[in-house]
C-alpha atoms as a PDB file:
ATOM      1  CA  MET A   1     -34.386  40.003   1.093  1.00  0.00           C
ATOM      2  CA  SER A   2     -35.962  39.631   4.351  1.00  0.00           C
ATOM      3  CA  ALA A   3     -38.413  36.767   5.306  1.00  0.00           C
ATOM      4  CA  ALA A   4     -42.052  37.720   5.223  1.00  0.00           C
ATOM      5  CA  ARG A   5     -43.799  38.207   8.839  1.00  0.00           C
ATOM      6  CA  LYS A   6     -47.103  37.653   9.652  1.00  0.00           C
ATOM      7  CA  PRO A   7     -49.612  40.669   9.706  1.00  0.00           C
ATOM      8  CA  GLY A   8     -49.711  42.318  13.101  1.00  0.00           C
ATOM      9  CA  THR A   9     -46.302  40.527  14.099  1.00  0.00           C
ATOM     10  CA  PRO A  10     -43.928  43.403  15.306  1.00  0.00           C
ATOM     11  CA  ALA A  11     -40.788  43.550  13.486  1.00  0.00           C
ATOM     12  CA  ARG A  12     -37.788  42.408  15.441  1.00  0.00           C
ATOM     13  CA  PRO A  13     -35.637  45.388  16.663  1.00  0.00           C
ATOM     14  CA  ALA A  14     -32.416  45.805  14.701  1.00  0.00           C
ATOM     15  CA  ARG A  15     -29.422  44.273  16.857  1.00  0.00           C
ATOM     16  CA  LYS A  16     -26.296  46.566  17.114  1.00  0.00           C
ATOM     17  CA  LEU A  17     -22.771  45.496  16.725  1.00  0.00           C
ATOM     18  CA  SER A  18     -21.502  44.651  20.369  1.00  0.00           C
ATOM     19  CA  HIS A  19     -17.989  45.793  19.668  1.00  0.00           C
ATOM     20  CA  PHE A  20     -18.999  49.349  19.267  1.00  0.00           C
ATOM     21  CA  ASP A  21     -20.078  51.831  21.976  1.00  0.00           C
ATOM     22  CA  ASP A  22     -22.900  54.241  21.327  1.00  0.00           C
ATOM     23  CA  ALA A  23     -20.509  56.749  20.060  1.00  0.00           C
ATOM     24  CA  GLY A  24     -19.158  54.428  17.496  1.00  0.00           C
ATOM     25  CA  HIS A  25     -15.832  53.635  19.289  1.00  0.00           C
ATOM     26  CA  VAL A  26     -14.400  50.098  19.291  1.00  0.00           C
ATOM     27  CA  ARG A  27     -14.433  48.394  22.404  1.00  0.00           C
ATOM     28  CA  MET A  28     -14.006  45.085  24.125  1.00  0.00           C
ATOM     29  CA  VAL A  29     -17.501  43.810  25.591  1.00  0.00           C
ATOM     30  CA  ASP A  30     -17.498  44.010  29.208  1.00  0.00           C
ATOM     31  CA  VAL A  31     -18.512  40.400  30.141  1.00  0.00           C
ATOM     32  CA  SER A  32     -17.796  40.942  33.896  1.00  0.00           C
ATOM     33  CA  ALA A  33     -21.495  40.658  34.937  1.00  0.00           C
ATOM     34  CA  LYS A  34     -22.434  37.673  32.890  1.00  0.00           C
ATOM     35  CA  PRO A  35     -22.433  34.203  34.439  1.00  0.00           C
ATOM     36  CA  ALA A  36     -19.819  31.455  33.682  1.00  0.00           C
ATOM     37  CA  THR A  37     -21.752  28.591  31.870  1.00  0.00           C
ATOM     38  CA  GLU A  38     -20.435  25.810  29.990  1.00  0.00           C
ATOM     39  CA  ARG A  39     -20.166  26.946  26.166  1.00  0.00           C
ATOM     40  CA  THR A  40     -19.144  24.994  23.283  1.00  0.00           C
ATOM     41  CA  ALA A  41     -18.787  25.897  19.625  1.00  0.00           C
ATOM     42  CA  VAL A  42     -18.061  23.570  16.416  1.00  0.00           C
ATOM     43  CA  ALA A  43     -16.687  25.092  13.207  1.00  0.00           C
ATOM     44  CA  GLY A  44     -15.703  23.764   9.910  1.00  0.00           C
ATOM     45  CA  ALA A  45     -13.711  24.258   6.814  1.00  0.00           C
ATOM     46  CA  PHE A  46     -13.026  22.485   3.637  1.00  0.00           C
ATOM     47  CA  VAL A  47      -9.551  22.261   1.698  1.00  0.00           C
ATOM     48  CA  ARG A  48     -10.337  21.458  -1.908  1.00  0.00           C
ATOM     49  CA  MET A  49      -7.506  19.965  -3.948  1.00  0.00           C
ATOM     50  CA  ARG A  50      -6.911  17.631  -6.966  1.00  0.00           C
ATOM     51  CA  SER A  51      -7.736  13.871  -6.239  1.00  0.00           C
ATOM     52  CA  SER A  52      -4.145  13.118  -7.279  1.00  0.00           C
ATOM     53  CA  THR A  53      -2.965  15.208  -4.336  1.00  0.00           C
ATOM     54  CA  VAL A  54      -5.567  13.428  -1.959  1.00  0.00           C
ATOM     55  CA  ALA A  55      -4.040  10.039  -3.263  1.00  0.00           C
ATOM     56  CA  THR A  56      -0.652  11.311  -2.230  1.00  0.00           C
ATOM     57  CA  LEU A  57      -1.806  12.075   1.172  1.00  0.00           C
ATOM     58  CA  ARG A  58      -3.569   8.698   1.549  1.00  0.00           C
ATOM     59  CA  GLN A  59      -0.194   7.009   1.028  1.00  0.00           C
ATOM     60  CA  VAL A  60       1.512   9.436   3.675  1.00  0.00           C
ATOM     61  CA  LYS A  61       4.385  10.323   0.892  1.00  0.00           C
ATOM     62  CA  ASN A  62       4.175  13.975   1.462  1.00  0.00           C
ATOM     63  CA  PRO A  63       7.764  15.220   1.796  1.00  0.00           C
ATOM     64  CA  LYS A  64       6.927  17.212   4.935  1.00  0.00           C
ATOM     65  CA  GLY A  65       5.393  14.427   6.972  1.00  0.00           C
ATOM     66  CA  ASP A  66       1.633  13.762   7.660  1.00  0.00           C
ATOM     67  CA  PRO A  67      -0.200  16.972   7.229  1.00  0.00           C
ATOM     68  CA  LEU A  68      -3.447  15.789   8.824  1.00  0.00           C
ATOM     69  CA  GLU A  69      -1.660  15.379  12.160  1.00  0.00           C
ATOM     70  CA  VAL A  70       0.388  18.554  12.010  1.00  0.00           C
ATOM     71  CA  ALA A  71      -2.869  20.343  11.161  1.00  0.00           C
ATOM     72  CA  ARG A  72      -5.007  18.932  13.845  1.00  0.00           C
ATOM     73  CA  ILE A  73      -2.008  20.138  16.283  1.00  0.00           C
ATOM     74  CA  ALA A  74      -1.841  23.429  14.453  1.00  0.00           C
ATOM     75  CA  GLY A  75      -5.561  24.066  15.050  1.00  0.00           C
ATOM     76  CA  ILE A  76      -5.481  23.223  18.690  1.00  0.00           C
ATOM     77  CA  LEU A  77      -2.703  25.481  19.405  1.00  0.00           C
ATOM     78  CA  ALA A  78      -4.436  28.283  17.263  1.00  0.00           C
ATOM     79  CA  ALA A  79      -7.744  28.105  19.282  1.00  0.00           C
ATOM     80  CA  LYS A  80      -5.514  28.431  22.534  1.00  0.00           C
ATOM     81  CA  ARG A  81      -3.899  31.763  21.108  1.00  0.00           C
ATOM     82  CA  THR A  82      -7.283  33.268  19.367  1.00  0.00           C
ATOM     83  CA  SER A  83      -7.188  36.353  21.783  1.00  0.00           C
ATOM     84  CA  GLU A  84      -3.557  37.207  20.473  1.00  0.00           C
ATOM     85  CA  LEU A  85      -4.665  37.004  16.950  1.00  0.00           C
ATOM     86  CA  ILE A  86      -8.225  38.714  16.973  1.00  0.00           C
ATOM     87  CA  PRO A  87      -7.869  42.088  18.883  1.00  0.00           C
ATOM     88  CA  LEU A  88     -11.056  42.159  20.661  1.00  0.00           C
ATOM     89  CA  CYS A  89     -11.468  38.505  21.948  1.00  0.00           C
ATOM     90  CA  HIS A  90     -11.212  37.878  25.283  1.00  0.00           C
ATOM     91  CA  PRO A  91      -8.340  35.609  26.664  1.00  0.00           C
ATOM     92  CA  LEU A  92     -10.312  32.208  27.711  1.00  0.00           C
ATOM     93  CA  MET A  93      -9.286  29.201  29.652  1.00  0.00           C
ATOM     94  CA  LEU A  94     -10.362  26.460  27.325  1.00  0.00           C
ATOM     95  CA  THR A  95     -11.266  23.080  28.804  1.00  0.00           C
ATOM     96  CA  HIS A  96     -11.363  21.068  25.516  1.00  0.00           C
ATOM     97  CA  VAL A  97     -10.147  21.574  22.104  1.00  0.00           C
ATOM     98  CA  ASP A  98     -10.480  18.871  19.329  1.00  0.00           C
ATOM     99  CA  VAL A  99      -9.712  19.220  15.622  1.00  0.00           C
ATOM    100  CA  ARG A 100     -10.694  16.445  13.254  1.00  0.00           C
ATOM    101  CA  VAL A 101      -9.328  16.151   9.631  1.00  0.00           C
ATOM    102  CA  VAL A 102     -11.136  13.575   7.272  1.00  0.00           C
ATOM    103  CA  LEU A 103      -9.795  13.052   3.711  1.00  0.00           C
ATOM    104  CA  CYS A 104     -12.426  13.078   0.931  1.00  0.00           C
ATOM    105  CA  GLN A 105     -12.326  12.596  -2.686  1.00  0.00           C
ATOM    106  CA  ASN A 106     -11.548  16.043  -3.438  1.00  0.00           C
ATOM    107  CA  GLY A 107      -9.898  17.507  -0.457  1.00  0.00           C
ATOM    108  CA  MET A 108     -10.127  17.565   3.415  1.00  0.00           C
ATOM    109  CA  GLU A 109     -13.025  18.528   5.622  1.00  0.00           C
ATOM    110  CA  ILE A 110     -11.882  20.067   8.808  1.00  0.00           C
ATOM    111  CA  THR A 111     -14.033  20.190  12.074  1.00  0.00           C
ATOM    112  CA  SER A 112     -13.121  21.949  15.300  1.00  0.00           C
ATOM    113  CA  GLU A 113     -14.642  21.777  18.528  1.00  0.00           C
ATOM    114  CA  VAL A 114     -14.087  23.908  21.445  1.00  0.00           C
ATOM    115  CA  THR A 115     -15.541  24.026  24.934  1.00  0.00           C
ATOM    116  CA  THR A 116     -14.973  26.521  28.013  1.00  0.00           C
ATOM    117  CA  THR A 117     -16.721  27.344  30.947  1.00  0.00           C
ATOM    118  CA  GLY A 118     -16.806  31.192  31.260  1.00  0.00           C
ATOM    119  CA  PRO A 119     -18.779  34.272  30.699  1.00  0.00           C
ATOM    120  CA  THR A 120     -18.296  34.524  26.806  1.00  0.00           C
ATOM    121  CA  GLY A 121     -18.429  31.923  24.036  1.00  0.00           C
ATOM    122  CA  VAL A 122     -15.814  30.211  22.078  1.00  0.00           C
ATOM    123  CA  GLU A 123     -17.052  30.696  18.385  1.00  0.00           C
ATOM    124  CA  MET A 124     -14.008  32.581  17.371  1.00  0.00           C
ATOM    125  CA  GLU A 125     -11.690  30.004  18.957  1.00  0.00           C
ATOM    126  CA  ALA A 126     -13.498  27.280  16.976  1.00  0.00           C
ATOM    127  CA  LEU A 127     -13.246  29.338  13.669  1.00  0.00           C
ATOM    128  CA  VAL A 128      -9.682  30.283  14.399  1.00  0.00           C
ATOM    129  CA  ALA A 129      -8.782  26.434  14.709  1.00  0.00           C
ATOM    130  CA  ALA A 130     -10.426  25.340  11.583  1.00  0.00           C
ATOM    131  CA  SER A 131      -8.838  28.032   9.622  1.00  0.00           C
ATOM    132  CA  VAL A 132      -5.522  27.642  10.911  1.00  0.00           C
ATOM    133  CA  ALA A 133      -5.697  23.675  10.387  1.00  0.00           C
ATOM    134  CA  ALA A 134      -6.562  24.606   6.863  1.00  0.00           C
ATOM    135  CA  LEU A 135      -3.707  26.835   6.208  1.00  0.00           C
ATOM    136  CA  THR A 136      -1.444  24.320   7.602  1.00  0.00           C
ATOM    137  CA  ILE A 137      -2.713  21.797   5.242  1.00  0.00           C
ATOM    138  CA  TYR A 138      -1.913  24.246   2.394  1.00  0.00           C
ATOM    139  CA  ASP A 139       1.475  24.779   3.596  1.00  0.00           C
ATOM    140  CA  MET A 140       2.117  21.077   3.980  1.00  0.00           C
ATOM    141  CA  CYS A 141       0.895  20.359   0.417  1.00  0.00           C
ATOM    142  CA  LYS A 142       2.065  23.250  -1.672  1.00  0.00           C
ATOM    143  CA  SER A 143       4.937  21.311  -2.811  1.00  0.00           C
ATOM    144  CA  VAL A 144       2.654  18.814  -4.620  1.00  0.00           C
ATOM    145  CA  GLU A 145      -0.276  21.417  -5.547  1.00  0.00           C
ATOM    146  CA  ARG A 146      -0.247  25.361  -5.689  1.00  0.00           C
ATOM    147  CA  GLY A 147      -3.908  25.503  -6.434  1.00  0.00           C
ATOM    148  CA  ILE A 148      -5.461  24.307  -3.280  1.00  0.00           C
ATOM    149  CA  THR A 149      -8.418  26.229  -2.228  1.00  0.00           C
ATOM    150  CA  ILE A 150      -9.606  27.006   1.241  1.00  0.00           C
ATOM    151  CA  THR A 151     -13.410  27.315   1.481  1.00  0.00           C
ATOM    152  CA  ASP A 152     -16.647  26.810   3.574  1.00  0.00           C
ATOM    153  CA  LEU A 153     -15.259  28.248   6.775  1.00  0.00           C
ATOM    154  CA  HIS A 154     -18.507  28.501   9.057  1.00  0.00           C
ATOM    155  CA  LEU A 155     -20.017  28.125  12.442  1.00  0.00           C
ATOM    156  CA  LEU A 156     -21.677  24.891  12.555  1.00  0.00           C
ATOM    157  CA  GLU A 157     -23.290  24.814  16.085  1.00  0.00           C
ATOM    158  CA  LYS A 158     -22.842  26.922  19.318  1.00  0.00           C
ATOM    159  CA  LYS A 159     -24.182  25.915  22.710  1.00  0.00           C
ATOM    160  CA  GLY A 160     -24.551  27.902  25.879  1.00  0.00           C
ATOM    161  CA  GLY A 161     -24.884  31.537  26.865  1.00  0.00           C
ATOM    162  CA  ARG A 162     -27.629  33.655  26.769  1.00  0.00           C
ATOM    163  CA  SER A 163     -28.371  33.416  23.208  1.00  0.00           C
ATOM    164  CA  GLY A 164     -28.777  29.617  23.654  1.00  0.00           C
ATOM    165  CA  HIS A 165     -28.334  26.890  20.793  1.00  0.00           C
ATOM    166  CA  TYR A 166     -27.397  27.776  17.348  1.00  0.00           C
ATOM    167  CA  LEU A 167     -27.290  24.898  14.784  1.00  0.00           C
ATOM    168  CA  ARG A 168     -26.747  25.651  11.216  1.00  0.00           C
ATOM    169  CA  SER A 169     -28.943  24.429   8.735  1.00  0.00           C
ATOM    170  CA  GLU A 170     -27.680  23.430   5.439  1.00  0.00           C
ATOM    171  CA  PRO A 171     -30.369  22.011   3.253  1.00  0.00           C
ATOM    172  CA  GLY A 172     -29.394  20.521   0.000  1.00  0.00           C
ATOM    173  CA  ARG A 173     -25.553  20.459   1.005  1.00  0.00           C
ATOM    174  CA  LYS A 174     -23.689  18.340  -1.518  1.00  0.00           C
ATOM    175  CA  GLN A 175     -21.616  15.492  -0.265  1.00  0.00           C
ATOM    176  CA  ARG A 176     -18.073  15.719  -1.159  1.00  0.00           C
END
């Protein structure tokens, strides 16, 4: 369902997918004419698990070591290698990557932040960092619980570039 427009307001033109040319062929977007600007993206994910698994993590008695630190490092490494994983992503010189993992009552909240100065954004790098950190937590904790669920992978914020600032609004979001 689309949002209502005020009478007399022209319809917003339909946007086309940037990774397809006019003939419908897949392409890598040409960013050579775009100016290099500072760009930052923040992404998040949640790893849902039993409270008893969270209690095990709080005691850092996981047989494979501290999953929070391993997940942070895995997320940072993943951000740096995004163009090797996502076929049409540009290889970027990242100037900053941070991955934070916070234990909650029913799992772990992951937040990644990635910055570059370049002609294209770092949304994919932030999303890849958050998802690989979440997968690493699953790998590190599966010996304790197989029913772990990875949820809510999403872009939280994007700054810089022609499209400007994006901030995800989540009215009514429940606390974890």
